[in-house]
Amino acid sequence: MCVLSMDCRGQNGQSQNAATFAEGAVAGWMTQGIRDPKKYYFRYVYADAVRALELLARREEVDEDRLAITGGSQGGGISLAVAALSDRPQLALPDIPFLCDYRRAIAISVNGPYPEIPLFLKAFPDQVESAMRTLSYCDNLNLAPMIKCRTVISNCLWDDVCPPSTIFAVYNHLTCPKQMEIYPFHKHEVPYEHKELQFRLLTETLLQSNPPGKKAGA
């Protein structure tokens, strides 16, 4: 298998966030560009991820018909978005995904990045409806019906960063072949056994009909 890991713009100290924003934001990434859906930070991130998949698909050693996407937390949310915005993936494996059901998430979350949004809206109460409109474009609750590939999601019922109910909401909007693995006593984490399941899914989906000499899936 070939693997490409995307550095999320501006976050890990290796890549810059080249986007410019006309207005300020609270600390973090959730409210950058939130006043304009065309300038919202995660719009750029989703586009980065789709382009990363295209780059991978075009590499000589990669079979573009055998692609899977995965990630945890923010990476899980991005994986869902890419599965919705690209027809390339055969399999999506989002773990404890972030960026799901924003309205509920910001109403009940007290930990993690979601509270950045109500902090911004507390300072700018006149921006509530426009901000929620911007967020709706990047909410996996709305993107979920666009996903066509097989999707297996993990959900941990003690998660206090990505509330389980927001993940259930997205799962219920999926119309593709789907499966949810529930871990009742885990928080914002997944057990080792889940990674074993994902490896089996990858080999079954990408390699089951791979003839000798065929390029590997990624």
C-alpha atoms as a PDB file:
ATOM      1  CA  MET A   1       0.000   0.000   0.000  1.00  0.00           C
ATOM      2  CA  CYS A   2       0.980   3.628  -0.534  1.00  0.00           C
ATOM      3  CA  VAL A   3       0.088   6.218   2.112  1.00  0.00           C
ATOM      4  CA  LEU A   4      -0.199  10.002   1.848  1.00  0.00           C
ATOM      5  CA  SER A   5      -0.663  12.016   5.047  1.00  0.00           C
ATOM      6  CA  MET A   6      -1.872  15.607   4.623  1.00  0.00           C
ATOM      7  CA  ASP A   7      -0.515  18.369   6.853  1.00  0.00           C
ATOM      8  CA  CYS A   8      -3.536  20.506   7.731  1.00  0.00           C
ATOM      9  CA  ARG A   9      -2.762  24.067   6.672  1.00  0.00           C
ATOM     10  CA  GLY A  10      -1.132  26.186   9.329  1.00  0.00           C
ATOM     11  CA  GLN A  11      -1.636  23.742  12.184  1.00  0.00           C
ATOM     12  CA  ASN A  12       1.494  21.636  12.581  1.00  0.00           C
ATOM     13  CA  GLY A  13       4.241  24.133  11.885  1.00  0.00           C
ATOM     14  CA  GLN A  14       5.149  22.541   8.532  1.00  0.00           C
ATOM     15  CA  SER A  15       2.710  24.255   6.160  1.00  0.00           C
ATOM     16  CA  GLN A  16       1.393  27.788   6.115  1.00  0.00           C
ATOM     17  CA  ASN A  17      -2.160  29.001   5.902  1.00  0.00           C
ATOM     18  CA  ALA A  18      -1.891  31.288   2.897  1.00  0.00           C
ATOM     19  CA  ALA A  19      -5.540  32.399   3.047  1.00  0.00           C
ATOM     20  CA  THR A  20      -6.239  35.973   4.122  1.00  0.00           C
ATOM     21  CA  PHE A  21      -9.274  37.025   6.135  1.00  0.00           C
ATOM     22  CA  ALA A  22     -10.851  40.472   6.105  1.00  0.00           C
ATOM     23  CA  GLU A  23     -11.916  40.256   9.747  1.00  0.00           C
ATOM     24  CA  GLY A  24     -10.448  38.846  12.919  1.00  0.00           C
ATOM     25  CA  ALA A  25     -11.382  35.678  14.802  1.00  0.00           C
ATOM     26  CA  VAL A  26     -11.075  34.181  18.265  1.00  0.00           C
ATOM     27  CA  ALA A  27      -8.067  31.986  19.054  1.00  0.00           C
ATOM     28  CA  GLY A  28      -8.031  28.756  17.079  1.00  0.00           C
ATOM     29  CA  TRP A  29      -9.294  27.806  13.624  1.00  0.00           C
ATOM     30  CA  MET A  30     -13.056  27.459  13.981  1.00  0.00           C
ATOM     31  CA  THR A  31     -13.987  31.103  13.416  1.00  0.00           C
ATOM     32  CA  GLN A  32     -11.424  32.169  10.815  1.00  0.00           C
ATOM     33  CA  GLY A  33     -13.412  33.574   7.894  1.00  0.00           C
ATOM     34  CA  ILE A  34     -16.697  32.593   9.516  1.00  0.00           C
ATOM     35  CA  ARG A  35     -18.487  35.679   8.208  1.00  0.00           C
ATOM     36  CA  ASP A  36     -18.192  34.510   4.573  1.00  0.00           C
ATOM     37  CA  PRO A  37     -18.766  30.903   3.387  1.00  0.00           C
ATOM     38  CA  LYS A  38     -16.347  31.472   0.491  1.00  0.00           C
ATOM     39  CA  LYS A  39     -13.587  32.481   2.903  1.00  0.00           C
ATOM     40  CA  TYR A  40     -14.174  30.061   5.773  1.00  0.00           C
ATOM     41  CA  TYR A  41     -11.045  28.255   6.963  1.00  0.00           C
ATOM     42  CA  PHE A  42     -12.456  24.746   6.614  1.00  0.00           C
ATOM     43  CA  ARG A  43     -13.570  25.423   3.067  1.00  0.00           C
ATOM     44  CA  TYR A  44      -9.885  25.731   2.236  1.00  0.00           C
ATOM     45  CA  VAL A  45      -9.021  22.662   4.308  1.00  0.00           C
ATOM     46  CA  TYR A  46     -11.611  20.516   2.520  1.00  0.00           C
ATOM     47  CA  ALA A  47     -10.283  21.725  -0.842  1.00  0.00           C
ATOM     48  CA  ASP A  48      -6.722  20.899   0.267  1.00  0.00           C
ATOM     49  CA  ALA A  49      -7.778  17.365   1.153  1.00  0.00           C
ATOM     50  CA  VAL A  50      -9.590  16.774  -2.135  1.00  0.00           C
ATOM     51  CA  ARG A  51      -6.552  18.029  -4.042  1.00  0.00           C
ATOM     52  CA  ALA A  52      -4.277  15.813  -1.947  1.00  0.00           C
ATOM     53  CA  LEU A  53      -6.353  12.810  -2.978  1.00  0.00           C
ATOM     54  CA  GLU A  54      -6.102  13.863  -6.624  1.00  0.00           C
ATOM     55  CA  LEU A  55      -2.333  14.184  -6.264  1.00  0.00           C
ATOM     56  CA  LEU A  56      -2.127  10.701  -4.800  1.00  0.00           C
ATOM     57  CA  ALA A  57      -4.339   9.231  -7.519  1.00  0.00           C
ATOM     58  CA  ARG A  58      -2.063  10.621 -10.238  1.00  0.00           C
ATOM     59  CA  ARG A  59       1.141   9.088  -8.902  1.00  0.00           C
ATOM     60  CA  GLU A  60       2.586   6.393 -11.123  1.00  0.00           C
ATOM     61  CA  GLU A  61       2.797   3.758  -8.393  1.00  0.00           C
ATOM     62  CA  VAL A  62      -0.831   4.218  -7.270  1.00  0.00           C
ATOM     63  CA  ASP A  63      -3.933   2.522  -8.638  1.00  0.00           C
ATOM     64  CA  GLU A  64      -6.494   5.334  -8.762  1.00  0.00           C
ATOM     65  CA  ASP A  65      -9.335   2.813  -8.561  1.00  0.00           C
ATOM     66  CA  ARG A  66      -8.231   1.546  -5.138  1.00  0.00           C
ATOM     67  CA  LEU A  67      -8.260   4.504  -2.782  1.00  0.00           C
ATOM     68  CA  ALA A  68      -9.335   4.775   0.847  1.00  0.00           C
ATOM     69  CA  ILE A  69      -9.391   7.723   3.222  1.00  0.00           C
ATOM     70  CA  THR A  70      -9.130   7.821   6.998  1.00  0.00           C
ATOM     71  CA  GLY A  71      -8.431  10.164   9.885  1.00  0.00           C
ATOM     72  CA  GLY A  72      -9.313  10.781  13.513  1.00  0.00           C
ATOM     73  CA  SER A  73     -11.167  13.693  15.102  1.00  0.00           C
ATOM     74  CA  GLN A  74     -10.519  16.621  12.733  1.00  0.00           C
ATOM     75  CA  GLY A  75      -9.105  14.076  10.289  1.00  0.00           C
ATOM     76  CA  GLY A  76     -12.295  12.069  10.649  1.00  0.00           C
ATOM     77  CA  GLY A  77     -14.396  15.086   9.767  1.00  0.00           C
ATOM     78  CA  ILE A  78     -12.147  15.860   6.796  1.00  0.00           C
ATOM     79  CA  SER A  79     -12.416  12.224   5.669  1.00  0.00           C
ATOM     80  CA  LEU A  80     -16.205  12.503   5.635  1.00  0.00           C
ATOM     81  CA  ALA A  81     -16.039  15.742   3.663  1.00  0.00           C
ATOM     82  CA  VAL A  82     -13.656  14.285   1.069  1.00  0.00           C
ATOM     83  CA  ALA A  83     -15.860  11.213   0.683  1.00  0.00           C
ATOM     84  CA  ALA A  84     -18.729  13.589  -0.060  1.00  0.00           C
ATOM     85  CA  LEU A  85     -16.827  15.874  -2.422  1.00  0.00           C
ATOM     86  CA  SER A  86     -14.879  13.256  -4.395  1.00  0.00           C
ATOM     87  CA  ASP A  87     -15.966  10.132  -6.245  1.00  0.00           C
ATOM     88  CA  ARG A  88     -12.522   8.557  -5.898  1.00  0.00           C
ATOM     89  CA  PRO A  89     -12.621   6.802  -2.497  1.00  0.00           C
ATOM     90  CA  GLN A  90     -13.826   3.230  -2.328  1.00  0.00           C
ATOM     91  CA  LEU A  91     -13.740   3.245   1.452  1.00  0.00           C
ATOM     92  CA  ALA A  92     -13.957   5.923   4.160  1.00  0.00           C
ATOM     93  CA  LEU A  93     -12.835   5.209   7.728  1.00  0.00           C
ATOM     94  CA  PRO A  94     -13.539   8.323   9.834  1.00  0.00           C
ATOM     95  CA  ASP A  95     -12.767   7.952  13.532  1.00  0.00           C
ATOM     96  CA  ILE A  96     -14.636   9.961  16.199  1.00  0.00           C
ATOM     97  CA  PRO A  97     -15.219  12.660  13.564  1.00  0.00           C
ATOM     98  CA  PHE A  98     -15.187  16.373  14.281  1.00  0.00           C
ATOM     99  CA  LEU A  99     -17.058  18.944  12.125  1.00  0.00           C
ATOM    100  CA  CYS A 100     -20.414  17.211  12.577  1.00  0.00           C
ATOM    101  CA  ASP A 101     -23.809  18.755  13.386  1.00  0.00           C
ATOM    102  CA  TYR A 102     -22.465  22.173  14.331  1.00  0.00           C
ATOM    103  CA  ARG A 103     -25.663  23.479  15.893  1.00  0.00           C
ATOM    104  CA  ARG A 104     -25.840  20.669  18.434  1.00  0.00           C
ATOM    105  CA  ALA A 105     -22.081  20.544  18.931  1.00  0.00           C
ATOM    106  CA  ILE A 106     -21.773  24.173  19.945  1.00  0.00           C
ATOM    107  CA  ALA A 107     -24.835  23.890  22.187  1.00  0.00           C
ATOM    108  CA  ILE A 108     -23.458  21.052  24.314  1.00  0.00           C
ATOM    109  CA  SER A 109     -19.649  20.977  23.952  1.00  0.00           C
ATOM    110  CA  VAL A 110     -17.499  22.414  26.725  1.00  0.00           C
ATOM    111  CA  ASN A 111     -14.151  20.919  25.670  1.00  0.00           C
ATOM    112  CA  GLY A 112     -12.153  20.969  22.457  1.00  0.00           C
ATOM    113  CA  PRO A 113     -12.456  23.459  19.592  1.00  0.00           C
ATOM    114  CA  TYR A 114     -16.265  23.722  19.297  1.00  0.00           C
ATOM    115  CA  PRO A 115     -16.531  26.313  22.153  1.00  0.00           C
ATOM    116  CA  GLU A 116     -14.525  28.754  19.986  1.00  0.00           C
ATOM    117  CA  ILE A 117     -17.715  29.375  17.985  1.00  0.00           C
ATOM    118  CA  PRO A 118     -20.023  30.429  20.868  1.00  0.00           C
ATOM    119  CA  LEU A 119     -17.146  32.517  22.237  1.00  0.00           C
ATOM    120  CA  PHE A 120     -17.082  34.390  18.926  1.00  0.00           C
ATOM    121  CA  LEU A 121     -20.879  34.691  18.818  1.00  0.00           C
ATOM    122  CA  LYS A 122     -20.966  35.997  22.382  1.00  0.00           C
ATOM    123  CA  ALA A 123     -18.750  38.863  21.233  1.00  0.00           C
ATOM    124  CA  PHE A 124     -20.717  39.359  17.988  1.00  0.00           C
ATOM    125  CA  PRO A 125     -24.356  38.392  18.661  1.00  0.00           C
ATOM    126  CA  ASP A 126     -25.435  40.045  15.422  1.00  0.00           C
ATOM    127  CA  GLN A 127     -23.446  37.417  13.491  1.00  0.00           C
ATOM    128  CA  VAL A 128     -25.303  34.316  14.721  1.00  0.00           C
ATOM    129  CA  GLU A 129     -27.370  33.604  11.630  1.00  0.00           C
ATOM    130  CA  SER A 130     -24.663  34.502   9.118  1.00  0.00           C
ATOM    131  CA  ALA A 131     -22.126  32.374  11.012  1.00  0.00           C
ATOM    132  CA  MET A 132     -24.470  29.406  11.130  1.00  0.00           C
ATOM    133  CA  ARG A 133     -25.091  29.783   7.411  1.00  0.00           C
ATOM    134  CA  THR A 134     -21.338  29.674   6.767  1.00  0.00           C
ATOM    135  CA  LEU A 135     -20.923  26.627   8.996  1.00  0.00           C
ATOM    136  CA  SER A 136     -23.760  24.814   7.222  1.00  0.00           C
ATOM    137  CA  TYR A 137     -21.661  24.560   4.056  1.00  0.00           C
ATOM    138  CA  CYS A 138     -18.920  22.674   5.919  1.00  0.00           C
ATOM    139  CA  ASP A 139     -21.159  20.662   8.231  1.00  0.00           C
ATOM    140  CA  ASN A 140     -20.876  16.932   7.546  1.00  0.00           C
ATOM    141  CA  LEU A 141     -24.502  16.643   8.576  1.00  0.00           C
ATOM    142  CA  ASN A 142     -25.334  18.292   5.237  1.00  0.00           C
ATOM    143  CA  LEU A 143     -22.554  16.608   3.246  1.00  0.00           C
ATOM    144  CA  ALA A 144     -23.358  13.084   4.451  1.00  0.00           C
ATOM    145  CA  PRO A 145     -26.058  12.291   1.835  1.00  0.00           C
ATOM    146  CA  MET A 146     -23.469  12.933  -0.908  1.00  0.00           C
ATOM    147  CA  ILE A 147     -21.204  10.095   0.247  1.00  0.00           C
ATOM    148  CA  LYS A 148     -21.402   7.032  -1.994  1.00  0.00           C
ATOM    149  CA  CYS A 149     -18.508   4.799  -0.830  1.00  0.00           C
ATOM    150  CA  ARG A 150     -18.629   2.301   2.016  1.00  0.00           C
ATOM    151  CA  THR A 151     -18.191   4.199   5.280  1.00  0.00           C
ATOM    152  CA  VAL A 152     -17.269   2.777   8.679  1.00  0.00           C
ATOM    153  CA  ILE A 153     -17.362   5.264  11.573  1.00  0.00           C
ATOM    154  CA  SER A 154     -16.156   4.880  15.149  1.00  0.00           C
ATOM    155  CA  ASN A 155     -18.078   6.566  17.952  1.00  0.00           C
ATOM    156  CA  CYS A 156     -17.056   6.673  21.624  1.00  0.00           C
ATOM    157  CA  LEU A 157     -19.872   7.313  24.081  1.00  0.00           C
ATOM    158  CA  TRP A 158     -17.735   9.068  26.714  1.00  0.00           C
ATOM    159  CA  ASP A 159     -16.289  11.480  24.146  1.00  0.00           C
ATOM    160  CA  ASP A 160     -16.386  15.021  25.566  1.00  0.00           C
ATOM    161  CA  VAL A 161     -14.704  16.651  22.536  1.00  0.00           C
ATOM    162  CA  CYS A 162     -16.789  15.317  19.641  1.00  0.00           C
ATOM    163  CA  PRO A 163     -20.183  14.559  21.215  1.00  0.00           C
ATOM    164  CA  PRO A 164     -21.494  11.098  20.254  1.00  0.00           C
ATOM    165  CA  SER A 165     -24.919  12.525  19.361  1.00  0.00           C
ATOM    166  CA  THR A 166     -23.370  14.694  16.621  1.00  0.00           C
ATOM    167  CA  ILE A 167     -21.745  11.629  15.073  1.00  0.00           C
ATOM    168  CA  PHE A 168     -24.989   9.652  15.277  1.00  0.00           C
ATOM    169  CA  ALA A 169     -26.715  12.543  13.483  1.00  0.00           C
ATOM    170  CA  VAL A 170     -24.281  12.399  10.570  1.00  0.00           C
ATOM    171  CA  TYR A 171     -24.438   8.597  10.465  1.00  0.00           C
ATOM    172  CA  ASN A 172     -28.231   8.738  10.219  1.00  0.00           C
ATOM    173  CA  HIS A 173     -27.923  11.003   7.156  1.00  0.00           C
ATOM    174  CA  LEU A 174     -25.647   8.578   5.309  1.00  0.00           C
ATOM    175  CA  THR A 175     -27.315   6.730   2.432  1.00  0.00           C
ATOM    176  CA  CYS A 176     -24.210   4.746   1.411  1.00  0.00           C
ATOM    177  CA  PRO A 177     -23.219   1.293   2.709  1.00  0.00           C
ATOM    178  CA  LYS A 178     -22.391   2.116   6.306  1.00  0.00           C
ATOM    179  CA  GLN A 179     -21.342   0.686   9.645  1.00  0.00           C
ATOM    180  CA  MET A 180     -20.761   2.225  13.070  1.00  0.00           C
ATOM    181  CA  GLU A 181     -18.423   0.777  15.672  1.00  0.00           C
ATOM    182  CA  ILE A 182     -19.481   1.964  19.134  1.00  0.00           C
ATOM    183  CA  TYR A 183     -17.156   1.964  22.140  1.00  0.00           C
ATOM    184  CA  PRO A 184     -19.243   2.687  25.259  1.00  0.00           C
ATOM    185  CA  PHE A 185     -16.393   3.456  27.686  1.00  0.00           C
ATOM    186  CA  HIS A 186     -13.864   5.289  25.524  1.00  0.00           C
ATOM    187  CA  LYS A 187     -13.515   9.043  25.365  1.00  0.00           C
ATOM    188  CA  HIS A 188     -11.855  10.948  22.488  1.00  0.00           C
ATOM    189  CA  GLU A 189      -9.836   7.913  21.429  1.00  0.00           C
ATOM    190  CA  VAL A 190     -10.195   4.559  19.715  1.00  0.00           C
ATOM    191  CA  PRO A 191      -8.963   1.181  20.970  1.00  0.00           C
ATOM    192  CA  TYR A 192      -6.269  -0.865  19.291  1.00  0.00           C
ATOM    193  CA  GLU A 193      -8.884  -3.417  18.254  1.00  0.00           C
ATOM    194  CA  HIS A 194     -10.538  -0.812  16.049  1.00  0.00           C
ATOM    195  CA  LYS A 195      -7.308  -0.359  14.109  1.00  0.00           C
ATOM    196  CA  GLU A 196      -7.246  -4.104  13.498  1.00  0.00           C
ATOM    197  CA  LEU A 197     -10.768  -3.848  12.083  1.00  0.00           C
ATOM    198  CA  GLN A 198      -9.710  -0.992   9.821  1.00  0.00           C
ATOM    199  CA  PHE A 199      -6.746  -2.976   8.510  1.00  0.00           C
ATOM    200  CA  ARG A 200      -9.069  -5.868   7.632  1.00  0.00           C
ATOM    201  CA  LEU A 201     -11.443  -3.480   5.877  1.00  0.00           C
ATOM    202  CA  LEU A 202      -8.589  -1.955   3.886  1.00  0.00           C
ATOM    203  CA  THR A 203      -7.271  -5.306   2.724  1.00  0.00           C
ATOM    204  CA  GLU A 204     -10.738  -6.624   1.886  1.00  0.00           C
ATOM    205  CA  THR A 205     -11.796  -3.518  -0.023  1.00  0.00           C
ATOM    206  CA  LEU A 206      -8.588  -2.571  -1.820  1.00  0.00           C
ATOM    207  CA  LEU A 207      -6.889  -5.906  -2.362  1.00  0.00           C
ATOM    208  CA  GLN A 208      -9.624  -8.506  -2.708  1.00  0.00           C
ATOM    209  CA  SER A 209      -9.595  -8.455  -6.514  1.00  0.00           C
ATOM    210  CA  ASN A 210      -6.055  -7.145  -7.051  1.00  0.00           C
ATOM    211  CA  PRO A 211      -4.470  -9.390  -9.718  1.00  0.00           C
ATOM    212  CA  PRO A 212      -0.734 -10.189  -9.701  1.00  0.00           C
ATOM    213  CA  GLY A 213       1.295  -7.296 -11.070  1.00  0.00           C
ATOM    214  CA  LYS A 214      -1.504  -4.768 -10.475  1.00  0.00           C
ATOM    215  CA  LYS A 215      -0.489  -1.538  -8.770  1.00  0.00           C
ATOM    216  CA  ALA A 216      -1.280  -1.346  -5.075  1.00  0.00           C
ATOM    217  CA  GLY A 217      -4.181   0.568  -3.654  1.00  0.00           C
ATOM    218  CA  ALA A 218      -3.553   3.543  -1.393  1.00  0.00           C
END
